[in-house]
Amino acid sequence: MNKIIASLFIIAFFSVGCSSNKTATKDFNPADYLTHIKAENLSKHLYIVASDEMEGRDTGTPGQKKAGVYLIDFYKSIGVNYPKGATTYYQPIPSEFFKKQFSPKLGDSENIWAFIEGSEKPEEILVISAHYDHVGMKNGEVYNGADDDGSGTVALLEIAAAFQKAKKEGNGPKRSILFLHVTGEEHGLHGSRFYTENPLFPLENTIANINIDMIGRRGYGKENNDNYIYVIGSDRLSSDLHNWSEDANKKYIGMELDYTYNDLKDPNRFYYRSDHYNFAKRGIPAIFYFNGVHDDYHKATDTPDKIDYPQLTKRAQLAFVVAWELANNPERPKVDKDGK
């Protein structure tokens, strides 16, 4: 009898062990959800967000607000709500906040946020950001801003959809993720500055920022390269963030990660020119994905038909797997550098 009981115990033990191992493996594998980010979905979103109807999405204009409604309607459609502690998808910003010497007067505007709560460490927050404003209209001509930053804007939508699918299947992120569409970037990084000065969650609980600004085209000198992305800032504050980005790329994506613009001596100073910087200057590890400048940068010719959708897809997938690593890693990325 004792032998039978012992045998049953051993069988039960190994059964539970195998089951636990299987679950643990699945918990840390984004491959099942990576392909949920599709070129056709990104294209569908972008032809709307960067359409003439949105009138170039200048800060505080009816066109930008119309684009914002589209973003919110999409989040509602996939069951991703606004964050806890908020009452709507909007973080309102008064026009006074946008005041800057020699700048045009801007109307009231809004950051837009959506939220997936973490299953194990909900108080720790990963922020994934992209600016949804552009430069509006000039002389009656619409500046659509398909790459800048329609591409990052729609990437956030599809990354959120992939995480939401994982959550519905019981494999949601262990840390919470805030999807933050910021306004006023083109006029001076105002939306991200407003959020970091008026955070919904304590900044000390914000483990990292992934910022996506222009990932739909090929930049100067990369015209024949269909498998690259510029990475900026990943190693400025945290060796972990840099290493986890590299490892996730090698395991799941296999893109060329180009650090040219991360050089401290680079004259373009892109590290200081997009929304991640407002997080980084407050000591939050930040990584910025960017395709580089091209002939249509800040011109009316930056239209959805010129986007390289396969490349946009792969870059959005890269941001997703890095976000997955940050959201699920047992440890948050350590700050072990001074940001310079």
Protein backbone atom coordinates (compact mmCIF):
# COMPACT_ATOMS: atom_id res chain seq x y z
CA MET A 1 0.00 0.00 0.00
CA ASN A 2 2.78 2.43 0.93
CA LYS A 3 4.50 1.65 -2.35
CA ILE A 4 1.31 2.42 -4.29
CA ILE A 5 0.86 5.73 -2.44
CA ALA A 6 4.49 6.64 -3.02
CA SER A 7 4.16 5.83 -6.72
CA LEU A 8 1.04 7.96 -7.02
CA PHE A 9 2.80 10.83 -5.24
CA ILE A 10 5.74 10.65 -7.63
CA ILE A 11 3.45 10.59 -10.67
CA ALA A 12 1.47 13.56 -9.33
CA PHE A 13 4.66 15.46 -8.53
CA PHE A 14 6.09 15.08 -12.02
CA SER A 15 2.72 15.85 -13.63
CA VAL A 16 2.50 19.13 -11.73
CA GLY A 17 6.14 19.89 -12.48
CA CYS A 18 5.67 19.33 -16.20
CA SER A 19 2.52 21.44 -16.22
CA SER A 20 4.26 24.30 -14.37
CA ASN A 21 7.23 24.23 -16.71
CA LYS A 22 4.96 24.33 -19.73
CA THR A 23 3.11 27.35 -18.33
CA ALA A 24 6.32 29.15 -17.40
CA THR A 25 7.72 28.64 -20.90
CA LYS A 26 4.56 30.01 -22.47
CA ASP A 27 4.50 32.99 -20.09
CA PHE A 28 7.82 34.23 -21.42
CA ASN A 29 7.34 33.51 -25.11
CA PRO A 30 5.99 36.34 -27.29
CA ALA A 31 6.24 34.28 -30.48
CA ASP A 32 2.60 33.21 -30.24
CA TYR A 33 1.48 36.86 -30.45
CA LEU A 34 4.17 38.41 -32.63
CA THR A 35 2.37 37.63 -35.88
CA HIS A 36 -0.78 39.30 -34.59
CA ILE A 37 0.92 42.55 -35.69
CA LYS A 38 0.16 42.56 -39.43
CA ALA A 39 0.99 44.90 -42.29
CA GLU A 40 -2.63 45.01 -43.46
CA ASN A 41 -3.82 46.19 -40.05
CA LEU A 42 -1.13 48.84 -39.82
CA SER A 43 -1.99 50.03 -43.33
CA LYS A 44 -5.70 50.22 -42.55
CA HIS A 45 -5.07 52.35 -39.47
CA LEU A 46 -2.54 54.60 -41.15
CA TYR A 47 -4.67 55.41 -44.18
CA ILE A 48 -7.20 56.78 -41.68
CA VAL A 49 -4.91 58.46 -39.14
CA ALA A 50 -2.85 60.15 -41.88
CA SER A 51 -5.76 60.90 -44.23
CA ASP A 52 -6.57 64.38 -45.53
CA GLU A 53 -9.63 64.29 -43.28
CA MET A 54 -7.35 64.69 -40.24
CA GLU A 55 -5.92 67.92 -41.72
CA GLY A 56 -2.37 67.20 -40.62
CA ARG A 57 -3.23 66.65 -36.91
CA ASP A 58 -1.76 69.93 -35.67
CA THR A 59 -1.86 70.30 -31.90
CA GLY A 60 -5.30 71.20 -30.59
CA THR A 61 -7.01 71.32 -33.99
CA PRO A 62 -10.26 69.57 -34.95
CA GLY A 63 -8.28 67.25 -37.22
CA GLN A 64 -6.06 66.07 -34.39
CA LYS A 65 -9.07 65.57 -32.15
CA LYS A 66 -10.76 63.52 -34.87
CA ALA A 67 -7.66 61.33 -35.11
CA GLY A 68 -7.77 60.94 -31.33
CA VAL A 69 -11.35 59.68 -31.47
CA TYR A 70 -10.26 57.03 -33.96
CA LEU A 71 -7.54 55.83 -31.57
CA ILE A 72 -9.94 55.67 -28.66
CA ASP A 73 -12.59 53.84 -30.67
CA PHE A 74 -10.02 51.22 -31.60
CA TYR A 75 -8.99 50.67 -27.98
CA LYS A 76 -12.64 50.29 -27.04
CA SER A 77 -13.16 47.77 -29.84
CA ILE A 78 -10.41 45.48 -28.51
CA GLY A 79 -11.41 45.87 -24.87
CA VAL A 80 -8.46 47.98 -23.71
CA ASN A 81 -9.70 50.57 -21.23
CA TYR A 82 -8.28 53.86 -19.98
CA PRO A 83 -5.96 53.52 -16.99
CA LYS A 84 -6.97 53.11 -13.38
CA GLY A 85 -7.11 56.48 -11.69
CA ALA A 86 -8.32 58.19 -14.87
CA THR A 87 -11.94 58.86 -15.81
CA THR A 88 -11.53 58.94 -19.61
CA TYR A 89 -9.00 58.09 -22.33
CA TYR A 90 -7.89 61.74 -22.31
CA GLN A 91 -5.26 63.57 -20.30
CA PRO A 92 -6.33 67.17 -21.01
CA ILE A 93 -3.62 69.80 -21.53
CA PRO A 94 -4.58 73.51 -21.47
CA SER A 95 -3.34 75.78 -24.22
CA GLU A 96 -1.34 77.79 -21.66
CA PHE A 97 0.99 74.82 -21.21
CA PHE A 98 2.06 75.01 -24.87
CA LYS A 99 3.19 78.62 -24.65
CA LYS A 100 6.69 79.04 -25.95
CA GLN A 101 8.53 82.13 -27.11
CA PHE A 102 7.94 82.83 -30.83
CA SER A 103 5.64 79.79 -31.14
CA PRO A 104 2.12 80.01 -32.60
CA LYS A 105 -0.78 80.01 -30.16
CA LEU A 106 -2.09 76.47 -29.79
CA GLY A 107 -5.49 75.32 -28.61
CA ASP A 108 -6.28 72.99 -25.75
CA SER A 109 -5.18 69.46 -26.56
CA GLU A 110 -4.97 66.01 -25.00
CA ASN A 111 -2.66 63.12 -24.48
CA ILE A 112 -4.49 59.84 -25.05
CA TRP A 113 -3.82 56.85 -22.86
CA ALA A 114 -4.87 53.22 -22.73
CA PHE A 115 -3.89 50.61 -20.18
CA ILE A 116 -3.37 46.91 -19.69
CA GLU A 117 -2.96 46.00 -16.04
CA GLY A 118 -0.19 43.66 -15.01
CA SER A 119 -1.04 40.32 -13.45
CA GLU A 120 1.77 40.15 -10.85
CA LYS A 121 3.32 43.61 -10.49
CA PRO A 122 0.49 45.96 -11.52
CA GLU A 123 2.04 48.91 -9.68
CA GLU A 124 5.12 48.81 -11.96
CA ILE A 125 4.48 50.59 -15.26
CA LEU A 126 6.03 50.30 -18.71
CA VAL A 127 5.18 53.31 -20.89
CA ILE A 128 5.08 52.83 -24.66
CA SER A 129 4.77 56.20 -26.39
CA ALA A 130 4.30 57.81 -29.79
CA HIS A 131 3.17 61.31 -30.70
CA TYR A 132 -0.04 61.54 -32.70
CA ASP A 133 0.25 65.22 -33.65
CA HIS A 134 1.87 66.57 -36.80
CA VAL A 135 2.30 70.02 -38.37
CA GLY A 136 -1.18 70.57 -39.79
CA MET A 137 -1.83 72.46 -43.03
CA LYS A 138 0.20 75.07 -44.90
CA ASN A 139 -1.21 77.21 -47.69
CA GLY A 140 -4.22 74.93 -47.90
CA GLU A 141 -2.11 71.81 -48.32
CA VAL A 142 -2.38 68.91 -45.87
CA TYR A 143 0.81 67.67 -44.27
CA ASN A 144 -0.34 64.11 -43.57
CA GLY A 145 2.56 62.97 -41.37
CA ALA A 146 2.23 59.32 -42.33
CA ASP A 147 5.73 58.46 -41.17
CA ASP A 148 6.01 61.32 -38.66
CA ASP A 149 4.47 59.99 -36.55
CA GLY A 150 1.50 58.17 -38.00
CA SER A 151 3.74 55.12 -38.20
CA GLY A 152 4.49 55.11 -34.48
CA THR A 153 0.88 55.91 -33.64
CA VAL A 154 -0.53 52.89 -35.46
CA ALA A 155 2.28 50.68 -34.16
CA LEU A 156 1.03 51.39 -30.63
CA LEU A 157 -2.47 50.27 -31.62
CA GLU A 158 -1.26 46.93 -32.94
CA ILE A 159 1.16 46.35 -30.07
CA ALA A 160 -1.72 46.92 -27.66
CA ALA A 161 -3.91 44.49 -29.64
CA ALA A 162 -1.20 41.81 -29.45
CA PHE A 163 -0.84 42.24 -25.68
CA GLN A 164 -4.61 42.20 -25.26
CA LYS A 165 -4.85 38.94 -27.20
CA ALA A 166 -2.21 37.47 -24.89
CA LYS A 167 -4.14 38.67 -21.85
CA LYS A 168 -7.40 37.13 -23.08
CA GLU A 169 -5.57 33.82 -23.39
CA GLY A 170 -4.30 34.03 -19.82
CA ASN A 171 -0.83 35.17 -20.84
CA GLY A 172 -1.03 38.89 -20.14
CA PRO A 173 1.92 41.04 -19.04
CA LYS A 174 3.10 40.72 -15.46
CA ARG A 175 3.72 44.47 -15.23
CA SER A 176 1.22 47.08 -16.35
CA ILE A 177 1.57 48.79 -19.72
CA LEU A 178 0.51 52.37 -20.42
CA PHE A 179 0.03 53.11 -24.12
CA LEU A 180 0.61 56.86 -24.31
CA HIS A 181 -0.22 58.86 -27.44
CA VAL A 182 1.27 62.26 -26.74
CA THR A 183 0.37 65.59 -28.27
CA GLY A 184 2.45 68.67 -29.00
CA GLU A 185 5.69 66.90 -29.94
CA GLU A 186 6.19 68.96 -33.06
CA HIS A 187 6.02 72.18 -31.03
CA GLY A 188 8.53 71.13 -28.38
CA LEU A 189 7.84 67.72 -26.80
CA HIS A 190 5.00 69.28 -24.84
CA GLY A 191 2.73 66.25 -24.36
CA SER A 192 5.42 64.01 -22.90
CA ARG A 193 6.65 66.90 -20.77
CA PHE A 194 3.12 67.38 -19.44
CA TYR A 195 2.77 63.69 -18.62
CA THR A 196 6.10 63.48 -16.81
CA GLU A 197 5.25 66.64 -14.85
CA ASN A 198 1.74 65.35 -14.13
CA PRO A 199 2.12 61.56 -14.12
CA LEU A 200 -0.87 59.34 -13.50
CA PHE A 201 1.44 56.81 -11.87
CA PRO A 202 4.48 57.71 -9.74
CA LEU A 203 7.54 58.10 -11.93
CA GLU A 204 9.53 55.93 -9.54
CA ASN A 205 7.18 53.09 -10.52
CA THR A 206 7.76 53.66 -14.23
CA ILE A 207 10.34 51.03 -15.16
CA ALA A 208 11.10 52.19 -18.73
CA ASN A 209 9.84 54.05 -21.78
CA ILE A 210 9.77 52.66 -25.31
CA ASN A 211 9.28 55.57 -27.71
CA ILE A 212 8.36 55.01 -31.36
CA ASP A 213 8.77 57.99 -33.70
CA MET A 214 9.04 57.43 -37.48
CA ILE A 215 9.39 53.72 -38.24
CA GLY A 216 7.68 53.44 -41.63
CA ARG A 217 10.29 54.53 -44.16
CA ARG A 218 13.93 54.17 -45.17
CA GLY A 219 16.20 57.04 -44.24
CA TYR A 220 19.10 58.60 -46.07
CA GLY A 221 21.86 56.08 -46.73
CA LYS A 222 19.51 53.16 -46.02
CA GLU A 223 17.47 53.28 -49.21
CA ASN A 224 18.43 49.70 -50.13
CA ASN A 225 18.22 48.27 -46.63
CA ASP A 226 14.95 46.54 -45.78
CA ASN A 227 15.98 45.20 -42.38
CA TYR A 228 17.27 47.92 -40.07
CA ILE A 229 16.20 50.36 -37.37
CA TYR A 230 18.09 53.10 -35.58
CA VAL A 231 18.20 52.58 -31.81
CA ILE A 232 18.80 55.61 -29.63
CA GLY A 233 19.23 55.90 -25.88
CA SER A 234 19.06 52.24 -24.91
CA ASP A 235 22.40 52.29 -23.09
CA ARG A 236 22.36 55.85 -21.74
CA LEU A 237 20.85 54.90 -18.38
CA SER A 238 20.60 51.11 -18.23
CA SER A 239 22.81 48.29 -19.44
CA ASP A 240 19.87 45.95 -18.86
CA LEU A 241 17.61 47.83 -21.26
CA HIS A 242 20.26 47.75 -23.96
CA ASN A 243 21.05 44.08 -23.46
CA TRP A 244 17.41 42.99 -23.31
CA SER A 245 16.69 44.88 -26.54
CA GLU A 246 19.63 43.19 -28.24
CA ASP A 247 18.66 39.73 -26.95
CA ALA A 248 14.98 40.05 -27.92
CA ASN A 249 15.95 41.19 -31.40
CA LYS A 250 18.36 38.28 -31.90
CA LYS A 251 15.87 35.72 -30.65
CA TYR A 252 12.71 36.85 -32.43
CA ILE A 253 13.33 39.51 -35.13
CA GLY A 254 16.87 39.58 -36.52
CA MET A 255 17.00 43.22 -37.58
CA GLU A 256 20.13 45.30 -37.97
CA LEU A 257 20.19 47.59 -34.94
CA ASP A 258 22.07 50.73 -35.96
CA TYR A 259 23.44 52.92 -33.16
CA THR A 260 24.82 55.71 -35.36
CA TYR A 261 22.52 58.35 -33.89
CA ASN A 262 23.17 57.17 -30.34
CA ASP A 263 26.74 58.47 -30.57
CA LEU A 264 27.31 61.25 -28.05
CA LYS A 265 29.07 63.24 -30.76
CA ASP A 266 26.33 62.84 -33.38
CA PRO A 267 25.46 66.37 -34.56
CA ASN A 268 21.77 65.53 -35.11
CA ARG A 269 21.20 65.12 -31.35
CA PHE A 270 18.13 62.95 -31.94
CA TYR A 271 18.39 61.69 -28.37
CA TYR A 272 17.09 65.07 -27.22
CA ARG A 273 14.49 65.52 -29.97
CA SER A 274 11.70 63.04 -29.29
CA ASP A 275 9.39 62.22 -26.40
CA HIS A 276 11.55 59.59 -24.71
CA TYR A 277 13.85 62.40 -23.56
CA ASN A 278 11.32 63.72 -21.04
CA PHE A 279 11.41 60.30 -19.38
CA ALA A 280 15.17 59.85 -19.67
CA LYS A 281 16.01 63.20 -18.11
CA ARG A 282 14.04 62.07 -15.06
CA GLY A 283 16.15 58.94 -14.74
CA ILE A 284 13.77 56.51 -16.44
CA PRO A 285 15.50 54.11 -18.88
CA ALA A 286 14.30 54.92 -22.38
CA ILE A 287 14.75 53.49 -25.85
CA PHE A 288 13.85 55.29 -29.07
CA TYR A 289 13.18 53.50 -32.38
CA PHE A 290 13.63 55.64 -35.51
CA ASN A 291 14.07 55.05 -39.25
CA GLY A 292 16.04 58.24 -39.97
CA VAL A 293 15.20 61.29 -42.05
CA HIS A 294 14.11 61.09 -45.71
CA ASP A 295 13.11 63.46 -48.52
CA ASP A 296 9.48 63.68 -47.35
CA TYR A 297 10.29 64.63 -43.77
CA HIS A 298 7.97 67.50 -42.71
CA LYS A 299 6.62 67.85 -46.22
CA ALA A 300 3.15 67.40 -47.68
CA THR A 301 4.51 64.35 -49.48
CA ASP A 302 4.78 62.28 -46.27
CA THR A 303 1.76 60.20 -47.26
CA PRO A 304 0.56 56.65 -46.42
CA ASP A 305 1.25 55.29 -49.91
CA LYS A 306 5.00 55.81 -49.39
CA ILE A 307 5.21 53.71 -46.24
CA ASP A 308 7.19 50.46 -46.39
CA TYR A 309 4.58 48.33 -44.64
CA PRO A 310 6.65 45.13 -44.32
CA GLN A 311 9.39 47.13 -42.64
CA LEU A 312 6.90 49.01 -40.45
CA THR A 313 5.51 45.64 -39.37
CA LYS A 314 8.88 44.19 -38.44
CA ARG A 315 9.82 47.31 -36.46
CA ALA A 316 6.53 47.27 -34.57
CA GLN A 317 7.13 43.61 -33.81
CA LEU A 318 10.58 44.49 -32.45
CA ALA A 319 9.07 47.07 -30.11
CA PHE A 320 6.52 44.45 -29.03
CA VAL A 321 9.09 41.78 -28.10
CA VAL A 322 11.22 44.31 -26.20
CA ALA A 323 8.07 45.47 -24.37
CA TRP A 324 7.26 41.83 -23.61
CA GLU A 325 10.70 41.35 -22.08
CA LEU A 326 10.40 44.49 -19.96
CA ALA A 327 6.87 43.65 -18.83
CA ASN A 328 7.65 40.04 -17.91
CA ASN A 329 11.26 39.98 -16.76
CA PRO A 330 11.60 39.04 -13.07
CA GLU A 331 13.59 42.25 -12.54
CA ARG A 332 13.03 45.79 -13.76
CA PRO A 333 15.97 47.28 -15.72
CA LYS A 334 18.61 48.64 -13.38
CA VAL A 335 19.74 52.23 -13.74
CA ASP A 336 23.53 51.88 -13.75
CA LYS A 337 24.59 54.81 -15.95
CA ASP A 338 24.34 58.58 -15.73
CA GLY A 339 22.36 59.22 -18.91
CA LYS A 340 25.20 60.86 -20.83
